[in-house]
C-alpha atoms as a PDB file:
ATOM      1  CA  MET A   1      -0.039  -0.016  -0.010  1.00  0.00           C
ATOM      2  CA  LYS A   2       2.936   2.229   0.170  1.00  0.00           C
ATOM      3  CA  GLY A   3       3.272   2.358  -3.643  1.00  0.00           C
ATOM      4  CA  HIS A   4       7.001   1.435  -3.847  1.00  0.00           C
ATOM      5  CA  GLU A   5       6.315  -0.357  -7.164  1.00  0.00           C
ATOM      6  CA  TYR A   6       5.284   2.909  -8.782  1.00  0.00           C
ATOM      7  CA  PHE A   7       8.325   4.749  -7.434  1.00  0.00           C
ATOM      8  CA  PHE A   8      10.787   2.111  -8.824  1.00  0.00           C
ATOM      9  CA  GLU A   9       9.024   2.407 -12.269  1.00  0.00           C
ATOM     10  CA  ALA A  10       9.778   6.080 -12.290  1.00  0.00           C
ATOM     11  CA  VAL A  11      13.440   5.696 -11.202  1.00  0.00           C
ATOM     12  CA  PRO A  12      15.137   4.538 -14.444  1.00  0.00           C
ATOM     13  CA  PRO A  13      13.774   7.454 -16.722  1.00  0.00           C
ATOM     14  CA  ILE A  14      14.602   9.868 -13.945  1.00  0.00           C
ATOM     15  CA  SER A  15      18.123   8.581 -13.510  1.00  0.00           C
ATOM     16  CA  GLU A  16      18.691   8.752 -17.209  1.00  0.00           C
ATOM     17  CA  ALA A  17      17.464  12.337 -17.436  1.00  0.00           C
ATOM     18  CA  VAL A  18      19.198  13.471 -14.428  1.00  0.00           C
ATOM     19  CA  PRO A  19      22.454  11.126 -14.023  1.00  0.00           C
ATOM     20  CA  ASP A  20      23.493  12.787 -10.685  1.00  0.00           C
ATOM     21  CA  VAL A  21      20.189  12.051  -8.983  1.00  0.00           C
ATOM     22  CA  LYS A  22      20.174   9.882  -5.854  1.00  0.00           C
ATOM     23  CA  PHE A  23      17.386   8.189  -4.198  1.00  0.00           C
ATOM     24  CA  LEU A  24      16.909   7.609  -0.398  1.00  0.00           C
ATOM     25  CA  LEU A  25      14.406   5.227   1.013  1.00  0.00           C
ATOM     26  CA  VAL A  26      13.565   5.434   4.648  1.00  0.00           C
ATOM     27  CA  GLY A  27      12.400   2.357   6.424  1.00  0.00           C
ATOM     28  CA  ASP A  28      12.250  -1.424   5.788  1.00  0.00           C
ATOM     29  CA  GLY A  29       9.759  -4.140   4.659  1.00  0.00           C
ATOM     30  CA  ILE A  30       8.991  -6.824   2.297  1.00  0.00           C
ATOM     31  CA  TYR A  31      10.101  -5.097  -0.825  1.00  0.00           C
ATOM     32  CA  ARG A  32      13.477  -4.248   0.310  1.00  0.00           C
ATOM     33  CA  LYS A  33      15.121  -7.469  -1.000  1.00  0.00           C
ATOM     34  CA  LYS A  34      13.203  -7.037  -4.235  1.00  0.00           C
ATOM     35  CA  TYR A  35      14.525  -3.484  -4.894  1.00  0.00           C
ATOM     36  CA  GLU A  36      17.717  -3.501  -3.059  1.00  0.00           C
ATOM     37  CA  GLY A  37      19.880  -3.687  -6.294  1.00  0.00           C
ATOM     38  CA  CYS A  38      18.239  -0.547  -7.680  1.00  0.00           C
ATOM     39  CA  GLU A  39      19.720   2.942  -7.840  1.00  0.00           C
ATOM     40  CA  ALA A  40      18.516   3.716  -4.356  1.00  0.00           C
ATOM     41  CA  GLU A  41      20.122   3.809  -0.951  1.00  0.00           C
ATOM     42  CA  PHE A  42      18.081   2.244   1.877  1.00  0.00           C
ATOM     43  CA  THR A  43      18.346   3.345   5.396  1.00  0.00           C
ATOM     44  CA  GLY A  44      16.522   0.334   7.093  1.00  0.00           C
ATOM     45  CA  LEU A  45      14.424   1.267  10.009  1.00  0.00           C
ATOM     46  CA  VAL A  46      15.240   4.321  11.687  1.00  0.00           C
ATOM     47  CA  ARG A  47      14.403   5.702  15.054  1.00  0.00           C
ATOM     48  CA  PRO A  48      11.950   8.736  15.011  1.00  0.00           C
ATOM     49  CA  GLU A  49      14.671  11.083  16.223  1.00  0.00           C
ATOM     50  CA  GLU A  50      16.689  10.158  13.038  1.00  0.00           C
ATOM     51  CA  ILE A  51      13.940  11.350  10.577  1.00  0.00           C
ATOM     52  CA  PRO A  52      14.957  14.942  10.535  1.00  0.00           C
ATOM     53  CA  GLY A  53      18.488  13.888   9.531  1.00  0.00           C
ATOM     54  CA  CYS A  54      16.957  11.713   6.770  1.00  0.00           C
ATOM     55  CA  ILE A  55      14.797  14.550   5.318  1.00  0.00           C
ATOM     56  CA  ALA A  56      17.795  16.860   5.524  1.00  0.00           C
ATOM     57  CA  ARG A  57      19.488  14.720   2.979  1.00  0.00           C
ATOM     58  CA  MET A  58      16.622  15.077   0.591  1.00  0.00           C
ATOM     59  CA  SER A  59      15.835  17.726  -2.191  1.00  0.00           C
ATOM     60  CA  VAL A  60      12.186  16.410  -2.512  1.00  0.00           C
ATOM     61  CA  LEU A  61      10.031  13.790  -0.426  1.00  0.00           C
ATOM     62  CA  VAL A  62       8.146  11.448  -2.540  1.00  0.00           C
ATOM     63  CA  HIS A  63       5.085   9.728  -0.857  1.00  0.00           C
ATOM     64  CA  LEU A  64       3.136   7.513  -2.982  1.00  0.00           C
ATOM     65  CA  SER A  65       1.027   5.672  -0.438  1.00  0.00           C
ATOM     66  CA  LEU A  66      -2.316   4.384  -1.774  1.00  0.00           C
ATOM     67  CA  ARG A  67      -4.140   4.431   1.676  1.00  0.00           C
ATOM     68  CA  GLU A  68      -2.767   6.496   4.688  1.00  0.00           C
ATOM     69  CA  GLY A  69      -4.766   9.019   6.837  1.00  0.00           C
ATOM     70  CA  LEU A  70      -2.409  11.975   7.140  1.00  0.00           C
ATOM     71  CA  PRO A  71       0.930  10.828   6.555  1.00  0.00           C
ATOM     72  CA  ARG A  72       3.398  12.234   9.075  1.00  0.00           C
ATOM     73  CA  ALA A  73       6.178  12.227   6.573  1.00  0.00           C
ATOM     74  CA  LEU A  74       4.518  15.088   4.633  1.00  0.00           C
ATOM     75  CA  PRO A  75       4.388  17.687   7.314  1.00  0.00           C
ATOM     76  CA  GLN A  76       7.763  16.774   8.538  1.00  0.00           C
ATOM     77  CA  ALA A  77       9.266  17.361   4.964  1.00  0.00           C
ATOM     78  CA  LEU A  78       7.401  20.715   4.646  1.00  0.00           C
ATOM     79  CA  ALA A  79       8.532  21.738   8.043  1.00  0.00           C
ATOM     80  CA  ALA A  80      12.038  21.156   6.976  1.00  0.00           C
ATOM     81  CA  GLY A  81      11.474  23.161   3.824  1.00  0.00           C
ATOM     82  CA  LYS A  82      11.208  20.306   1.561  1.00  0.00           C
ATOM     83  CA  PRO A  83       8.678  20.132  -1.327  1.00  0.00           C
ATOM     84  CA  VAL A  84       6.640  16.952  -1.438  1.00  0.00           C
ATOM     85  CA  VAL A  85       5.257  14.772  -4.420  1.00  0.00           C
ATOM     86  CA  ALA A  86       2.277  12.780  -3.184  1.00  0.00           C
ATOM     87  CA  TYR A  87      -0.365  10.459  -4.508  1.00  0.00           C
ATOM     88  CA  ASP A  88      -3.759  12.379  -4.020  1.00  0.00           C
ATOM     89  CA  CYS A  89      -5.066   9.805  -1.600  1.00  0.00           C
ATOM     90  CA  ASP A  90      -6.825  10.228   1.936  1.00  0.00           C
ATOM     91  CA  GLY A  91      -5.049  12.984   3.806  1.00  0.00           C
ATOM     92  CA  ALA A  92      -2.290  13.912   1.609  1.00  0.00           C
ATOM     93  CA  ARG A  93      -4.212  16.832   0.031  1.00  0.00           C
ATOM     94  CA  GLU A  94      -4.580  18.247   3.427  1.00  0.00           C
ATOM     95  CA  ILE A  95      -0.789  19.040   3.539  1.00  0.00           C
ATOM     96  CA  CYS A  96       0.446  18.882  -0.035  1.00  0.00           C
ATOM     97  CA  LEU A  97      -1.266  21.824  -1.771  1.00  0.00           C
ATOM     98  CA  ASP A  98      -0.886  21.113  -5.349  1.00  0.00           C
ATOM     99  CA  SER A  99       1.743  23.563  -7.122  1.00  0.00           C
ATOM    100  CA  GLN A 100       1.992  25.337  -3.641  1.00  0.00           C
ATOM    101  CA  THR A 101       3.731  23.009  -1.229  1.00  0.00           C
ATOM    102  CA  GLY A 102       4.447  20.274  -3.883  1.00  0.00           C
ATOM    103  CA  PHE A 103       2.682  18.328  -6.157  1.00  0.00           C
ATOM    104  CA  LEU A 104      -0.380  15.911  -6.145  1.00  0.00           C
ATOM    105  CA  VAL A 105      -0.488  13.087  -8.569  1.00  0.00           C
ATOM    106  CA  GLN A 106      -3.332  10.854  -9.315  1.00  0.00           C
ATOM    107  CA  PRO A 107      -2.573   7.319  -8.147  1.00  0.00           C
ATOM    108  CA  GLY A 108      -0.873   5.094 -10.770  1.00  0.00           C
ATOM    109  CA  ASP A 109      -0.389   8.151 -13.087  1.00  0.00           C
ATOM    110  CA  LEU A 110       3.426   7.384 -13.746  1.00  0.00           C
ATOM    111  CA  THR A 111       3.505   9.919 -16.675  1.00  0.00           C
ATOM    112  CA  ASN A 112       2.653  12.735 -14.254  1.00  0.00           C
ATOM    113  CA  LEU A 113       4.690  11.332 -11.552  1.00  0.00           C
ATOM    114  CA  LYS A 114       7.903  11.229 -13.784  1.00  0.00           C
ATOM    115  CA  GLU A 115       7.094  14.765 -15.158  1.00  0.00           C
ATOM    116  CA  ARG A 116       6.739  16.310 -11.695  1.00  0.00           C
ATOM    117  CA  LEU A 117       9.998  14.637 -10.265  1.00  0.00           C
ATOM    118  CA  LEU A 118      11.950  15.678 -13.277  1.00  0.00           C
ATOM    119  CA  GLN A 119      10.367  19.253 -13.065  1.00  0.00           C
ATOM    120  CA  LEU A 120      11.826  19.442  -9.435  1.00  0.00           C
ATOM    121  CA  ALA A 121      15.068  17.851 -10.225  1.00  0.00           C
ATOM    122  CA  GLY A 122      15.858  20.343 -12.865  1.00  0.00           C
ATOM    123  CA  ASN A 123      14.553  23.442 -10.939  1.00  0.00           C
ATOM    124  CA  PRO A 124      16.285  24.024  -7.532  1.00  0.00           C
ATOM    125  CA  PRO A 125      14.613  27.661  -7.222  1.00  0.00           C
ATOM    126  CA  LEU A 126      11.093  25.947  -7.650  1.00  0.00           C
ATOM    127  CA  CYS A 127      12.086  23.375  -4.968  1.00  0.00           C
ATOM    128  CA  LYS A 128      13.068  26.223  -2.694  1.00  0.00           C
ATOM    129  CA  MET A 129       9.819  28.306  -3.301  1.00  0.00           C
ATOM    130  CA  LEU A 130       7.684  25.125  -2.641  1.00  0.00           C
ATOM    131  CA  GLY A 131       9.625  24.258   0.257  1.00  0.00           C
ATOM    132  CA  LEU A 132       9.319  27.625   1.804  1.00  0.00           C
ATOM    133  CA  SER A 133       5.699  27.742   0.924  1.00  0.00           C
ATOM    134  CA  GLY A 134       5.191  24.512   2.752  1.00  0.00           C
ATOM    135  CA  SER A 135       7.264  25.403   5.845  1.00  0.00           C
ATOM    136  CA  ASP A 136       5.079  28.494   6.282  1.00  0.00           C
ATOM    137  CA  PHE A 137       1.905  26.512   5.681  1.00  0.00           C
ATOM    138  CA  VAL A 138       2.913  23.947   8.399  1.00  0.00           C
ATOM    139  CA  ARG A 139       4.041  26.645  10.936  1.00  0.00           C
ATOM    140  CA  LYS A 140       0.616  28.219  10.525  1.00  0.00           C
ATOM    141  CA  ASN A 141      -1.640  25.089  10.334  1.00  0.00           C
ATOM    142  CA  PHE A 142       0.206  22.579  12.483  1.00  0.00           C
ATOM    143  CA  ALA A 143       1.652  24.251  15.364  1.00  0.00           C
ATOM    144  CA  VAL A 144       0.952  22.468  18.464  1.00  0.00           C
ATOM    145  CA  GLU A 145      -1.046  25.373  19.927  1.00  0.00           C
ATOM    146  CA  LYS A 146      -3.180  25.672  16.935  1.00  0.00           C
ATOM    147  CA  MET A 147      -3.936  21.952  16.754  1.00  0.00           C
ATOM    148  CA  VAL A 148      -4.722  21.790  20.525  1.00  0.00           C
ATOM    149  CA  ASP A 149      -7.071  24.795  20.191  1.00  0.00           C
ATOM    150  CA  ASP A 150      -8.772  23.265  17.059  1.00  0.00           C
ATOM    151  CA  GLN A 151      -9.341  20.118  18.925  1.00  0.00           C
ATOM    152  CA  TYR A 152     -10.637  21.883  22.047  1.00  0.00           C
ATOM    153  CA  ASN A 153     -13.156  23.774  19.693  1.00  0.00           C
ATOM    154  CA  VAL A 154     -14.351  20.418  18.161  1.00  0.00           C
ATOM    155  CA  TYR A 155     -15.093  19.086  21.680  1.00  0.00           C
ATOM    156  CA  LEU A 156     -16.843  22.437  22.704  1.00  0.00           C
ATOM    157  CA  LYS A 157     -19.049  22.190  19.452  1.00  0.00           C
ATOM    158  CA  LEU A 158     -19.939  18.501  20.106  1.00  0.00           C
ATOM    159  CA  ALA A 159     -20.678  19.142  23.777  1.00  0.00           C
ATOM    160  CA  ALA A 160     -23.044  22.120  22.740  1.00  0.00           C
ATOM    161  CA  GLU A 161     -24.766  19.882  20.218  1.00  0.00           C
ATOM    162  CA  ARG A 162     -25.585  17.430  23.040  1.00  0.00           C
ATOM    163  CA  GLY A 163     -26.767  20.184  25.467  1.00  0.00           C
ATOM    164  CA  ILE A 164     -23.537  19.665  27.644  1.00  0.00           C
ATOM    165  CA  ARG A 165     -22.120  22.732  29.236  1.00  0.00           C
ATOM    166  CA  ALA A 166     -18.394  23.082  29.309  1.00  0.00           C
END
């Protein structure tokens, strides 16, 4: 469900077009052995405190999950000023604002996926612009204080609907 097969289909034409491109896969799982010989570095499982260091090594975060609520990797990448390319599934559109903080691609659309990745690989100023926009978006919308306030307001609203005084 993580969409690795789509990513690995996009790797050869991107490597051909941008010979110095590098790919970093964070995590581990059943596909590692299948793809370990590909043009990518695998970190294996990493501790949560190691994620910022992994993201710092990236120019773009690619997230092709076919089912996932709100992937933590997306706001983490944007907070670090990295643009994202994600499949338009579940909660990805809440954080990846198409052409503002990165690019949303329809699941399975390899042509658009390759185009977007090549567009970013060949345009560092675009990466920087999307990353800065994403960083600003995360700071404004995912700050702990705002999230706590939003959650509290949801509870107040639900309580009021049920006639409960807070």
